[in-house]
Every structure is written in structure tokens, then in C-alpha cells.
C-alpha atoms as a PDB file:
ATOM      1  CA  UNK A   1       0.000   0.000   0.000  1.00  0.00           C
ATOM      2  CA  UNK A   2       1.330   3.421  -0.972  1.00  0.00           C
ATOM      3  CA  UNK A   3       1.104   6.094   1.749  1.00  0.00           C
ATOM      4  CA  UNK A   4      -1.115   9.025   0.808  1.00  0.00           C
ATOM      5  CA  UNK A   5      -0.763  12.572   2.081  1.00  0.00           C
ATOM      6  CA  UNK A   6      -2.584  15.819   1.334  1.00  0.00           C
ATOM      7  CA  UNK A   7      -0.332  16.430  -1.673  1.00  0.00           C
ATOM      8  CA  UNK A   8      -1.414  13.118  -3.205  1.00  0.00           C
ATOM      9  CA  UNK A   9      -5.150  13.587  -2.587  1.00  0.00           C
ATOM     10  CA  UNK A  10      -5.822  17.296  -3.158  1.00  0.00           C
ATOM     11  CA  UNK A  11      -4.359  19.776  -5.607  1.00  0.00           C
ATOM     12  CA  UNK A  12      -3.400  23.264  -4.387  1.00  0.00           C
ATOM     13  CA  UNK A  13      -6.652  24.854  -5.626  1.00  0.00           C
ATOM     14  CA  UNK A  14      -8.673  22.337  -3.600  1.00  0.00           C
ATOM     15  CA  UNK A  15      -6.528  22.909  -0.507  1.00  0.00           C
ATOM     16  CA  UNK A  16      -6.916  26.691  -0.847  1.00  0.00           C
ATOM     17  CA  UNK A  17     -10.701  26.292  -1.211  1.00  0.00           C
ATOM     18  CA  UNK A  18     -10.938  24.173   1.950  1.00  0.00           C
ATOM     19  CA  UNK A  19      -8.716  26.535   3.941  1.00  0.00           C
ATOM     20  CA  UNK A  20     -10.757  29.548   2.765  1.00  0.00           C
ATOM     21  CA  UNK A  21     -13.930  27.873   4.065  1.00  0.00           C
ATOM     22  CA  UNK A  22     -12.378  26.937   7.423  1.00  0.00           C
ATOM     23  CA  UNK A  23     -12.652  29.539  10.203  1.00  0.00           C
ATOM     24  CA  UNK A  24      -9.261  28.602  11.714  1.00  0.00           C
ATOM     25  CA  UNK A  25      -7.645  28.783   8.225  1.00  0.00           C
ATOM     26  CA  UNK A  26      -5.699  25.506   8.428  1.00  0.00           C
ATOM     27  CA  UNK A  27      -6.240  21.886   7.495  1.00  0.00           C
ATOM     28  CA  UNK A  28      -6.805  19.256  10.177  1.00  0.00           C
ATOM     29  CA  UNK A  29      -3.801  17.040  10.812  1.00  0.00           C
ATOM     30  CA  UNK A  30      -3.514  13.551  12.256  1.00  0.00           C
ATOM     31  CA  UNK A  31      -1.973  15.196  15.322  1.00  0.00           C
ATOM     32  CA  UNK A  32      -5.111  17.333  15.783  1.00  0.00           C
ATOM     33  CA  UNK A  33      -7.275  14.203  15.776  1.00  0.00           C
ATOM     34  CA  UNK A  34      -4.866  12.367  18.098  1.00  0.00           C
ATOM     35  CA  UNK A  35      -5.046  15.208  20.619  1.00  0.00           C
ATOM     36  CA  UNK A  36      -8.858  15.055  20.606  1.00  0.00           C
ATOM     37  CA  UNK A  37      -8.697  11.282  21.171  1.00  0.00           C
ATOM     38  CA  UNK A  38      -6.230  11.773  24.040  1.00  0.00           C
ATOM     39  CA  UNK A  39      -8.605  14.322  25.569  1.00  0.00           C
ATOM     40  CA  UNK A  40     -11.512  11.856  25.355  1.00  0.00           C
ATOM     41  CA  UNK A  41      -9.355   9.179  26.990  1.00  0.00           C
ATOM     42  CA  UNK A  42      -8.428  11.422  29.904  1.00  0.00           C
ATOM     43  CA  UNK A  43     -10.204  10.350  33.103  1.00  0.00           C
ATOM     44  CA  UNK A  44     -10.043  13.922  34.429  1.00  0.00           C
ATOM     45  CA  UNK A  45     -10.484  16.175  31.382  1.00  0.00           C
ATOM     46  CA  UNK A  46     -13.483  14.426  29.842  1.00  0.00           C
ATOM     47  CA  UNK A  47     -14.878  12.412  32.744  1.00  0.00           C
ATOM     48  CA  UNK A  48     -18.356  13.976  32.525  1.00  0.00           C
ATOM     49  CA  UNK A  49     -18.587  14.074  28.721  1.00  0.00           C
ATOM     50  CA  UNK A  50     -21.161  11.659  27.333  1.00  0.00           C
ATOM     51  CA  UNK A  51     -22.962  11.303  24.016  1.00  0.00           C
ATOM     52  CA  UNK A  52     -21.219  14.170  22.254  1.00  0.00           C
ATOM     53  CA  UNK A  53     -20.239  14.613  18.630  1.00  0.00           C
ATOM     54  CA  UNK A  54     -16.942  16.445  18.365  1.00  0.00           C
ATOM     55  CA  UNK A  55     -15.746  17.807  15.030  1.00  0.00           C
ATOM     56  CA  UNK A  56     -11.968  18.163  14.729  1.00  0.00           C
ATOM     57  CA  UNK A  57     -12.095  20.323  11.605  1.00  0.00           C
ATOM     58  CA  UNK A  58     -11.111  23.852  12.562  1.00  0.00           C
ATOM     59  CA  UNK A  59     -14.731  24.854  12.037  1.00  0.00           C
ATOM     60  CA  UNK A  60     -15.039  23.468   8.478  1.00  0.00           C
ATOM     61  CA  UNK A  61     -17.890  21.266   9.679  1.00  0.00           C
ATOM     62  CA  UNK A  62     -19.993  22.105  12.686  1.00  0.00           C
ATOM     63  CA  UNK A  63     -22.159  19.295  14.100  1.00  0.00           C
END
């Protein structure tokens, strides 16, 4: 299997379009998602969070 990154999936015009439509003006990275997962796994930070939908998209999608 060949690894795929943003340069392999999207051309620069598509990337610019997505960034323009994202309030935080940056693309979501694997690290951004990993940090959200770590937060959910924290017994102190998210101990009272139940049944929530969290979008890690910089505001591109809002649930």
C-alpha cells in the first residue's frame, strides 16, 4: 500500500478552497485528531462528557 498525504489527494486549488472555508484557516492534521482522542481518553479532562459529537475540523464542519 502506498502512503497518501494531502499532496497526493488534493491539488493546491482544492486545498486553498478548503482553507478559505475553514474559520481557523488551516487543514486538520492527524496530530489534531490524536489530541482530541487523548482528551476523550483522559479520566479527568473528559470524565463527565457523554454522548457528544466532536468535530476536529477547525470549524469546516460544525455538528
